[in-house]
């Protein structure tokens, strides 16, 4: 549900931005000859909603894998009680997703709401499982998460910059 809420709010915000750019570039008037105004908005919304849904689904899958892997490495819990303790933390994302719909006019606010929900969820996880971990295991768990996400974001940005530079270098200017 939260993926749908965030995808919807970001899609609406992106459609508004893209339509403004298309109008500035003068392309939007030409598109109106082939599609209606609502048809263009609906087509753009579907494309961006699908794109954001795929990105958020992949991020959720990665986050769940990293969380379970960190619990495997640093927790002595065999039964899986820690996983049941942290399942309630998804309510942070549900509330944040509902708030993101209210902030559709401000895309930066949507991103900020998502990052704040992620920080609250991480603090919630650490708080809930801290009683079943030693101090060293807790530090290891936190460092595992921080280092993974830091390297993941840094690696993704590096690949994007390399791709951008290769495209710019291949242009015949």
Protein backbone atom coordinates (compact mmCIF):
# COMPACT_ATOMS: atom_id res chain seq x y z
CA UNK A 1 0.00 0.00 0.00
CA UNK A 2 2.80 2.39 0.85
CA UNK A 3 4.49 1.75 -2.47
CA UNK A 4 1.27 2.70 -4.23
CA UNK A 5 0.90 5.87 -2.16
CA UNK A 6 4.45 7.07 -2.77
CA UNK A 7 4.32 6.07 -6.45
CA UNK A 8 1.09 7.97 -6.93
CA UNK A 9 2.27 11.14 -5.23
CA UNK A 10 5.61 11.20 -7.03
CA UNK A 11 3.94 10.41 -10.35
CA UNK A 12 1.50 13.28 -10.02
CA UNK A 13 4.32 15.66 -9.08
CA UNK A 14 6.49 14.44 -11.96
CA UNK A 15 3.64 14.78 -14.47
CA UNK A 16 3.15 18.40 -13.44
CA UNK A 17 6.87 19.11 -13.85
CA UNK A 18 7.13 17.32 -17.21
CA UNK A 19 4.08 19.13 -18.60
CA UNK A 20 5.61 22.46 -17.57
CA UNK A 21 8.87 21.54 -19.37
CA UNK A 22 6.99 20.39 -22.44
CA UNK A 23 5.11 23.70 -22.53
CA UNK A 24 8.32 25.70 -22.15
CA UNK A 25 9.97 23.73 -24.95
CA UNK A 26 6.90 24.17 -27.18
CA UNK A 27 6.31 20.45 -27.62
CA UNK A 28 3.08 20.29 -25.64
CA UNK A 29 1.02 22.18 -28.25
CA UNK A 30 2.10 19.72 -30.94
CA UNK A 31 1.16 16.80 -28.71
CA UNK A 32 -2.33 18.27 -28.25
CA UNK A 33 -2.96 17.74 -31.98
CA UNK A 34 -2.75 13.97 -31.47
CA UNK A 35 -3.94 13.51 -27.86
CA UNK A 36 -6.32 15.31 -25.56
CA UNK A 37 -5.00 17.18 -22.54
CA UNK A 38 -6.29 14.50 -20.17
CA UNK A 39 -4.95 11.75 -22.44
CA UNK A 40 -1.43 13.17 -22.26
CA UNK A 41 -1.64 13.55 -18.49
CA UNK A 42 -2.99 10.01 -18.07
CA UNK A 43 -0.32 8.49 -20.33
CA UNK A 44 2.46 10.32 -18.48
CA UNK A 45 0.96 9.35 -15.14
CA UNK A 46 0.84 5.67 -16.08
CA UNK A 47 4.45 5.71 -17.29
CA UNK A 48 5.79 7.47 -14.20
CA UNK A 49 3.62 5.44 -11.82
CA UNK A 50 4.98 2.24 -13.32
CA UNK A 51 8.54 3.53 -13.12
CA UNK A 52 8.23 4.66 -9.49
CA UNK A 53 6.41 1.47 -8.53
CA UNK A 54 9.28 -0.61 -9.92
CA UNK A 55 11.91 1.51 -8.15
CA UNK A 56 10.14 1.40 -4.78
CA UNK A 57 9.45 -2.32 -5.10
CA UNK A 58 13.11 -2.98 -5.82
CA UNK A 59 14.18 -0.78 -2.90
CA UNK A 60 11.80 -2.60 -0.57
CA UNK A 61 13.13 -5.95 -1.69
CA UNK A 62 16.72 -4.81 -1.17
CA UNK A 63 15.91 -3.27 2.23
CA UNK A 64 14.17 -6.43 3.44
CA UNK A 65 17.09 -8.54 2.28
CA UNK A 66 19.63 -6.29 3.99
CA UNK A 67 17.61 -6.26 7.21
CA UNK A 68 17.24 -10.04 7.30
CA UNK A 69 20.89 -10.52 6.37
CA UNK A 70 22.04 -8.18 9.13
CA UNK A 71 19.87 -10.05 11.64
CA UNK A 72 21.38 -13.30 10.40
CA UNK A 73 24.90 -11.98 10.93
CA UNK A 74 24.48 -10.15 14.22
CA UNK A 75 21.52 -11.69 16.04
CA UNK A 76 21.46 -14.90 18.03
CA UNK A 77 17.71 -15.21 17.40
CA UNK A 78 16.99 -18.62 15.90
CA UNK A 79 13.18 -18.57 15.98
CA UNK A 80 12.74 -15.21 14.20
CA UNK A 81 11.24 -13.19 17.04
CA UNK A 82 13.18 -10.10 15.97
CA UNK A 83 11.51 -10.14 12.57
CA UNK A 84 8.07 -10.20 14.15
CA UNK A 85 9.08 -7.34 16.45
CA UNK A 86 10.00 -5.04 13.58
CA UNK A 87 7.02 -5.74 11.30
CA UNK A 88 5.01 -2.97 12.97
CA UNK A 89 7.49 -0.40 11.70
CA UNK A 90 5.85 -0.42 8.29
CA UNK A 91 3.22 1.91 9.75
CA UNK A 92 5.80 4.71 9.49
CA UNK A 93 5.80 4.28 5.74
CA UNK A 94 2.00 4.06 5.60
CA UNK A 95 1.58 7.38 7.41
CA UNK A 96 4.36 8.94 5.32
CA UNK A 97 2.73 7.70 2.12
CA UNK A 98 -0.55 9.36 3.10
CA UNK A 99 1.33 12.57 3.93
CA UNK A 100 3.09 12.45 0.58
CA UNK A 101 -0.27 12.68 -1.18
CA UNK A 102 -0.89 15.94 0.63
CA UNK A 103 2.51 17.26 -0.52
CA UNK A 104 1.96 16.57 -4.23
CA UNK A 105 2.72 20.19 -5.14
CA UNK A 106 6.18 19.94 -3.57
CA UNK A 107 8.31 17.06 -4.91
CA UNK A 108 11.19 17.86 -2.56
CA UNK A 109 8.78 17.54 0.38
CA UNK A 110 7.76 14.08 -0.84
CA UNK A 111 11.40 13.01 -0.92
CA UNK A 112 11.93 14.54 2.52
CA UNK A 113 8.90 12.69 3.91
CA UNK A 114 10.24 9.42 2.48
CA UNK A 115 13.69 9.98 3.98
CA UNK A 116 12.19 10.95 7.35
CA UNK A 117 10.04 7.80 7.35
CA UNK A 118 13.13 5.74 6.52
CA UNK A 119 15.06 7.28 9.40
CA UNK A 120 12.16 6.71 11.82
CA UNK A 121 11.84 3.11 10.63
CA UNK A 122 15.56 2.50 11.12
CA UNK A 123 15.46 3.96 14.65
CA UNK A 124 12.40 1.82 15.37
CA UNK A 125 14.21 -1.33 14.19
CA UNK A 126 17.27 -0.59 16.30
CA UNK A 127 15.13 0.17 19.35
CA UNK A 128 12.99 -2.97 19.01
CA UNK A 129 15.84 -5.42 18.58
CA UNK A 130 18.39 -3.75 20.85
CA UNK A 131 17.23 -5.78 23.84
CA UNK A 132 18.15 -9.06 22.13
CA UNK A 133 21.58 -7.95 20.87
CA UNK A 134 24.89 -7.29 22.55
CA UNK A 135 26.47 -3.86 22.22
CA UNK A 136 28.98 -5.11 19.65
CA UNK A 137 26.23 -6.82 17.64
CA UNK A 138 24.12 -3.67 17.70
CA UNK A 139 27.03 -1.56 16.47
CA UNK A 140 27.73 -4.13 13.77
CA UNK A 141 24.10 -4.13 12.67
CA UNK A 142 23.97 -0.33 12.45
CA UNK A 143 27.30 -0.15 10.61
CA UNK A 144 26.20 -2.90 8.23
CA UNK A 145 23.11 -0.93 7.25
CA UNK A 146 24.88 2.42 7.01
CA UNK A 147 27.80 1.08 4.99
CA UNK A 148 25.56 -0.91 2.66
CA UNK A 149 23.26 2.00 1.84
CA UNK A 150 26.18 4.42 1.57
CA UNK A 151 27.99 2.18 -0.91
CA UNK A 152 24.74 1.40 -2.77
CA UNK A 153 23.88 5.08 -3.26
CA UNK A 154 27.46 6.04 -4.05
CA UNK A 155 27.79 3.20 -6.58
CA UNK A 156 24.51 4.11 -8.23
CA UNK A 157 25.52 7.77 -8.51
CA UNK A 158 28.90 6.76 -9.93
CA UNK A 159 27.27 4.61 -12.62
CA UNK A 160 24.84 7.43 -13.49
CA UNK A 161 27.68 9.96 -13.81
CA UNK A 162 29.73 7.56 -15.93
CA UNK A 163 26.75 6.95 -18.19
CA UNK A 164 26.07 10.69 -18.48
CA UNK A 165 29.72 11.43 -19.30
CA UNK A 166 29.85 8.69 -21.93
CA UNK A 167 26.68 10.05 -23.58
CA UNK A 168 28.05 13.60 -23.54
CA UNK A 169 31.41 12.43 -24.94
CA UNK A 170 29.70 10.59 -27.80
CA UNK A 171 27.72 13.62 -28.98
CA UNK A 172 29.14 15.13 -32.17
CA UNK A 173 29.76 18.69 -30.98
